[in-house]
Amino acid sequence: MLIGIHHVINDATKWEQGKQSLMSKMQAGTLPAGIKPVFVVPAKDQKVTFCLWEADSLDTVKKFIDRELGAAARNDYFEVDTKNAIGLPEVAAGKK
């Protein structure tokens, strides 16, 4: 399943620290089992970011992201309706 996250950043320093921790885990291949980032779309002003993750459940992503980013942002999570989405990468949309 695909999970979208809309982050509204309220502490830029903590956000950057959390983001660096996430990047390190991605590069080291140490993300929790069952989750994989698809893409990250930050706003130019760095006040909001949209992320898309592949995961076995929304709760798995939520627990991980909330632990990594803490109070750096307000995070709104939702399961993506892949049948009605436009422009998803083919692999993420289940087409490959």
N, C-alpha and C. Protein backbone atom coordinates (compact mmCIF):
# COMPACT_ATOMS: atom_id res chain seq x y z
N MET A 1 0.84 -1.18 0.00
CA MET A 1 0.00 0.00 0.00
C MET A 1 0.88 1.23 0.00
N LEU A 2 0.33 2.33 -0.46
CA LEU A 2 1.05 3.60 -0.46
C LEU A 2 0.49 4.51 0.63
N ILE A 3 1.42 5.16 1.34
CA ILE A 3 1.05 6.07 2.41
C ILE A 3 1.60 7.45 2.07
N GLY A 4 0.72 8.45 2.04
CA GLY A 4 1.13 9.83 1.85
C GLY A 4 1.26 10.50 3.19
N ILE A 5 2.24 11.40 3.28
CA ILE A 5 2.41 12.18 4.52
C ILE A 5 2.60 13.64 4.14
N HIS A 6 1.78 14.49 4.72
CA HIS A 6 1.92 15.93 4.56
C HIS A 6 2.54 16.44 5.86
N HIS A 7 3.77 16.93 5.77
CA HIS A 7 4.49 17.45 6.94
C HIS A 7 4.41 18.97 6.94
N VAL A 8 3.98 19.54 8.04
CA VAL A 8 4.05 20.98 8.23
C VAL A 8 5.14 21.20 9.29
N ILE A 9 6.26 21.74 8.86
CA ILE A 9 7.45 21.83 9.70
C ILE A 9 7.32 23.00 10.66
N ASN A 10 7.51 22.70 11.96
CA ASN A 10 7.41 23.76 12.96
C ASN A 10 8.72 23.99 13.72
N ASP A 11 9.73 23.14 13.48
CA ASP A 11 11.05 23.32 14.09
C ASP A 11 12.09 22.89 13.06
N ALA A 12 12.62 23.88 12.33
CA ALA A 12 13.52 23.58 11.22
C ALA A 12 14.78 22.84 11.66
N THR A 13 15.31 23.14 12.83
CA THR A 13 16.53 22.48 13.31
C THR A 13 16.25 21.00 13.60
N LYS A 14 15.18 20.72 14.33
CA LYS A 14 14.82 19.33 14.62
C LYS A 14 14.45 18.58 13.34
N TRP A 15 13.79 19.26 12.42
CA TRP A 15 13.42 18.64 11.14
C TRP A 15 14.68 18.20 10.40
N GLU A 16 15.67 19.08 10.33
CA GLU A 16 16.91 18.77 9.62
C GLU A 16 17.63 17.59 10.28
N GLN A 17 17.64 17.56 11.60
CA GLN A 17 18.27 16.44 12.32
C GLN A 17 17.54 15.13 12.02
N GLY A 18 16.22 15.17 12.06
CA GLY A 18 15.43 13.98 11.76
C GLY A 18 15.60 13.54 10.32
N LYS A 19 15.63 14.50 9.42
CA LYS A 19 15.82 14.19 8.00
C LYS A 19 17.17 13.52 7.77
N GLN A 20 18.22 14.02 8.41
CA GLN A 20 19.55 13.43 8.27
C GLN A 20 19.57 12.00 8.83
N SER A 21 18.89 11.77 9.93
CA SER A 21 18.80 10.42 10.49
C SER A 21 18.09 9.48 9.52
N LEU A 22 16.99 9.95 8.93
CA LEU A 22 16.27 9.14 7.94
C LEU A 22 17.14 8.83 6.73
N MET A 23 17.84 9.83 6.23
CA MET A 23 18.72 9.63 5.07
C MET A 23 19.81 8.61 5.39
N SER A 24 20.37 8.69 6.57
CA SER A 24 21.41 7.74 6.97
C SER A 24 20.86 6.31 6.98
N LYS A 25 19.66 6.15 7.52
CA LYS A 25 19.03 4.82 7.56
C LYS A 25 18.74 4.31 6.15
N MET A 26 18.28 5.19 5.27
CA MET A 26 18.02 4.79 3.88
C MET A 26 19.30 4.34 3.20
N GLN A 27 20.35 5.12 3.36
CA GLN A 27 21.63 4.80 2.72
C GLN A 27 22.25 3.53 3.28
N ALA A 28 22.06 3.30 4.57
CA ALA A 28 22.63 2.11 5.21
C ALA A 28 21.75 0.87 5.03
N GLY A 29 20.54 1.07 4.49
CA GLY A 29 19.62 -0.05 4.33
C GLY A 29 19.06 -0.56 5.65
N THR A 30 18.89 0.35 6.61
CA THR A 30 18.43 -0.05 7.94
C THR A 30 17.04 0.48 8.28
N LEU A 31 16.24 0.77 7.26
CA LEU A 31 14.85 1.14 7.53
C LEU A 31 14.12 -0.08 8.08
N PRO A 32 13.08 0.13 8.85
CA PRO A 32 12.31 -1.02 9.36
C PRO A 32 11.76 -1.86 8.21
N ALA A 33 11.63 -3.14 8.46
CA ALA A 33 11.06 -4.05 7.46
C ALA A 33 9.67 -3.58 7.08
N GLY A 34 9.37 -3.66 5.80
CA GLY A 34 8.02 -3.36 5.34
C GLY A 34 7.79 -1.93 4.91
N ILE A 35 8.80 -1.06 4.98
CA ILE A 35 8.61 0.31 4.50
C ILE A 35 9.73 0.71 3.55
N LYS A 36 9.35 1.55 2.58
CA LYS A 36 10.31 2.02 1.58
C LYS A 36 9.86 3.39 1.09
N PRO A 37 10.78 4.37 1.08
CA PRO A 37 10.40 5.68 0.56
C PRO A 37 10.24 5.62 -0.95
N VAL A 38 9.25 6.33 -1.48
CA VAL A 38 9.03 6.41 -2.92
C VAL A 38 9.54 7.76 -3.42
N PHE A 39 9.05 8.85 -2.80
CA PHE A 39 9.59 10.16 -3.12
C PHE A 39 9.30 11.16 -2.01
N VAL A 40 10.09 12.23 -2.02
CA VAL A 40 9.97 13.32 -1.06
C VAL A 40 9.91 14.61 -1.86
N VAL A 41 8.92 15.46 -1.54
CA VAL A 41 8.74 16.71 -2.28
C VAL A 41 8.70 17.86 -1.27
N PRO A 42 9.87 18.49 -1.04
CA PRO A 42 9.89 19.62 -0.11
C PRO A 42 9.51 20.92 -0.80
N ALA A 43 8.89 21.82 -0.06
CA ALA A 43 8.61 23.16 -0.57
C ALA A 43 9.91 23.95 -0.60
N LYS A 44 9.98 24.87 -1.51
CA LYS A 44 11.19 25.69 -1.65
C LYS A 44 11.52 26.43 -0.35
N ASP A 45 10.49 26.86 0.39
CA ASP A 45 10.73 27.58 1.64
C ASP A 45 10.98 26.65 2.83
N GLN A 46 10.94 25.33 2.58
CA GLN A 46 11.23 24.32 3.61
C GLN A 46 10.24 24.33 4.78
N LYS A 47 9.03 24.85 4.53
CA LYS A 47 8.03 24.88 5.61
C LYS A 47 7.07 23.71 5.56
N VAL A 48 6.96 23.09 4.40
CA VAL A 48 6.13 21.89 4.24
C VAL A 48 6.86 20.90 3.33
N THR A 49 6.53 19.64 3.51
CA THR A 49 7.07 18.57 2.67
C THR A 49 5.98 17.54 2.48
N PHE A 50 5.96 16.93 1.30
CA PHE A 50 5.06 15.81 1.03
C PHE A 50 5.93 14.60 0.75
N CYS A 51 5.63 13.48 1.40
CA CYS A 51 6.37 12.24 1.20
C CYS A 51 5.40 11.13 0.81
N LEU A 52 5.91 10.18 0.06
CA LEU A 52 5.15 9.00 -0.31
C LEU A 52 5.99 7.79 0.04
N TRP A 53 5.39 6.86 0.77
CA TRP A 53 6.06 5.65 1.21
C TRP A 53 5.28 4.42 0.78
N GLU A 54 5.98 3.35 0.45
CA GLU A 54 5.36 2.03 0.31
C GLU A 54 5.48 1.37 1.67
N ALA A 55 4.41 0.72 2.11
CA ALA A 55 4.43 0.11 3.44
C ALA A 55 3.39 -0.98 3.55
N ASP A 56 3.57 -1.82 4.56
CA ASP A 56 2.58 -2.86 4.81
C ASP A 56 1.36 -2.31 5.55
N SER A 57 1.53 -1.16 6.23
CA SER A 57 0.39 -0.52 6.89
C SER A 57 0.70 0.94 7.18
N LEU A 58 -0.33 1.72 7.33
CA LEU A 58 -0.18 3.12 7.69
C LEU A 58 0.46 3.22 9.07
N ASP A 59 0.06 2.37 9.98
CA ASP A 59 0.58 2.41 11.35
C ASP A 59 2.09 2.18 11.39
N THR A 60 2.61 1.31 10.54
CA THR A 60 4.05 1.04 10.50
C THR A 60 4.82 2.31 10.15
N VAL A 61 4.36 3.01 9.12
CA VAL A 61 5.02 4.26 8.71
C VAL A 61 4.86 5.32 9.79
N LYS A 62 3.66 5.46 10.32
CA LYS A 62 3.38 6.49 11.32
C LYS A 62 4.29 6.32 12.55
N LYS A 63 4.39 5.11 13.06
CA LYS A 63 5.25 4.88 14.24
C LYS A 63 6.69 5.24 13.93
N PHE A 64 7.19 4.84 12.76
CA PHE A 64 8.57 5.11 12.41
C PHE A 64 8.83 6.61 12.22
N ILE A 65 8.00 7.26 11.43
CA ILE A 65 8.21 8.68 11.14
C ILE A 65 8.03 9.52 12.40
N ASP A 66 7.02 9.23 13.20
CA ASP A 66 6.81 9.99 14.43
C ASP A 66 8.00 9.82 15.38
N ARG A 67 8.58 8.63 15.43
CA ARG A 67 9.75 8.39 16.28
C ARG A 67 10.96 9.17 15.75
N GLU A 68 11.15 9.17 14.42
CA GLU A 68 12.31 9.82 13.82
C GLU A 68 12.22 11.34 13.82
N LEU A 69 11.04 11.88 13.58
CA LEU A 69 10.89 13.33 13.43
C LEU A 69 10.33 14.02 14.66
N GLY A 70 9.77 13.23 15.59
CA GLY A 70 9.28 13.80 16.83
C GLY A 70 8.35 14.97 16.61
N ALA A 71 8.61 16.05 17.34
CA ALA A 71 7.76 17.23 17.29
C ALA A 71 8.25 18.26 16.27
N ALA A 72 9.12 17.84 15.34
CA ALA A 72 9.65 18.78 14.35
C ALA A 72 8.59 19.23 13.36
N ALA A 73 7.52 18.43 13.22
CA ALA A 73 6.48 18.77 12.25
C ALA A 73 5.15 18.17 12.69
N ARG A 74 4.08 18.76 12.16
CA ARG A 74 2.77 18.12 12.27
C ARG A 74 2.67 17.22 11.05
N ASN A 75 2.39 15.95 11.28
CA ASN A 75 2.38 14.96 10.20
C ASN A 75 0.97 14.42 10.00
N ASP A 76 0.44 14.62 8.80
CA ASP A 76 -0.89 14.09 8.46
C ASP A 76 -0.69 12.92 7.51
N TYR A 77 -1.17 11.75 7.92
CA TYR A 77 -0.97 10.50 7.18
C TYR A 77 -2.27 10.08 6.49
N PHE A 78 -2.13 9.46 5.30
CA PHE A 78 -3.30 8.91 4.64
C PHE A 78 -2.89 7.79 3.70
N GLU A 79 -3.79 6.81 3.54
CA GLU A 79 -3.58 5.77 2.55
C GLU A 79 -3.97 6.32 1.19
N VAL A 80 -3.09 6.12 0.21
CA VAL A 80 -3.31 6.66 -1.13
C VAL A 80 -4.30 5.77 -1.89
N ASP A 81 -5.24 6.40 -2.56
CA ASP A 81 -6.18 5.71 -3.44
C ASP A 81 -5.49 5.56 -4.80
N THR A 82 -4.74 4.47 -4.97
CA THR A 82 -3.92 4.29 -6.17
C THR A 82 -4.75 4.17 -7.45
N LYS A 83 -5.99 3.72 -7.34
CA LYS A 83 -6.83 3.59 -8.53
C LYS A 83 -7.22 4.94 -9.10
N ASN A 84 -7.27 5.96 -8.26
CA ASN A 84 -7.69 7.29 -8.70
C ASN A 84 -6.57 8.32 -8.69
N ALA A 85 -5.37 7.89 -8.32
CA ALA A 85 -4.22 8.81 -8.29
C ALA A 85 -3.72 9.05 -9.72
N ILE A 86 -3.10 10.19 -9.92
CA ILE A 86 -2.53 10.56 -11.22
C ILE A 86 -1.04 10.81 -11.02
N GLY A 87 -0.21 10.24 -11.89
CA GLY A 87 1.21 10.53 -11.90
C GLY A 87 2.06 9.73 -10.93
N LEU A 88 1.52 8.68 -10.35
CA LEU A 88 2.34 7.86 -9.46
C LEU A 88 3.40 7.11 -10.27
N PRO A 89 4.59 6.90 -9.68
CA PRO A 89 5.55 6.03 -10.36
C PRO A 89 4.92 4.66 -10.59
N GLU A 90 5.21 4.03 -11.73
CA GLU A 90 4.57 2.76 -12.06
C GLU A 90 4.76 1.70 -11.00
N VAL A 91 5.95 1.58 -10.46
CA VAL A 91 6.20 0.56 -9.44
C VAL A 91 5.34 0.84 -8.21
N ALA A 92 5.27 2.09 -7.78
CA ALA A 92 4.48 2.46 -6.61
C ALA A 92 3.00 2.26 -6.83
N ALA A 93 2.55 2.44 -8.07
CA ALA A 93 1.13 2.30 -8.39
C ALA A 93 0.74 0.84 -8.60
N GLY A 94 1.72 -0.07 -8.47
CA GLY A 94 1.43 -1.49 -8.64
C GLY A 94 1.31 -1.92 -10.09
N LYS A 95 1.91 -1.17 -11.01
CA LYS A 95 1.77 -1.49 -12.43
C LYS A 95 2.97 -2.26 -12.98
N LYS A 96 3.98 -2.52 -12.16
CA LYS A 96 5.13 -3.30 -12.61
C LYS A 96 5.38 -4.42 -11.66
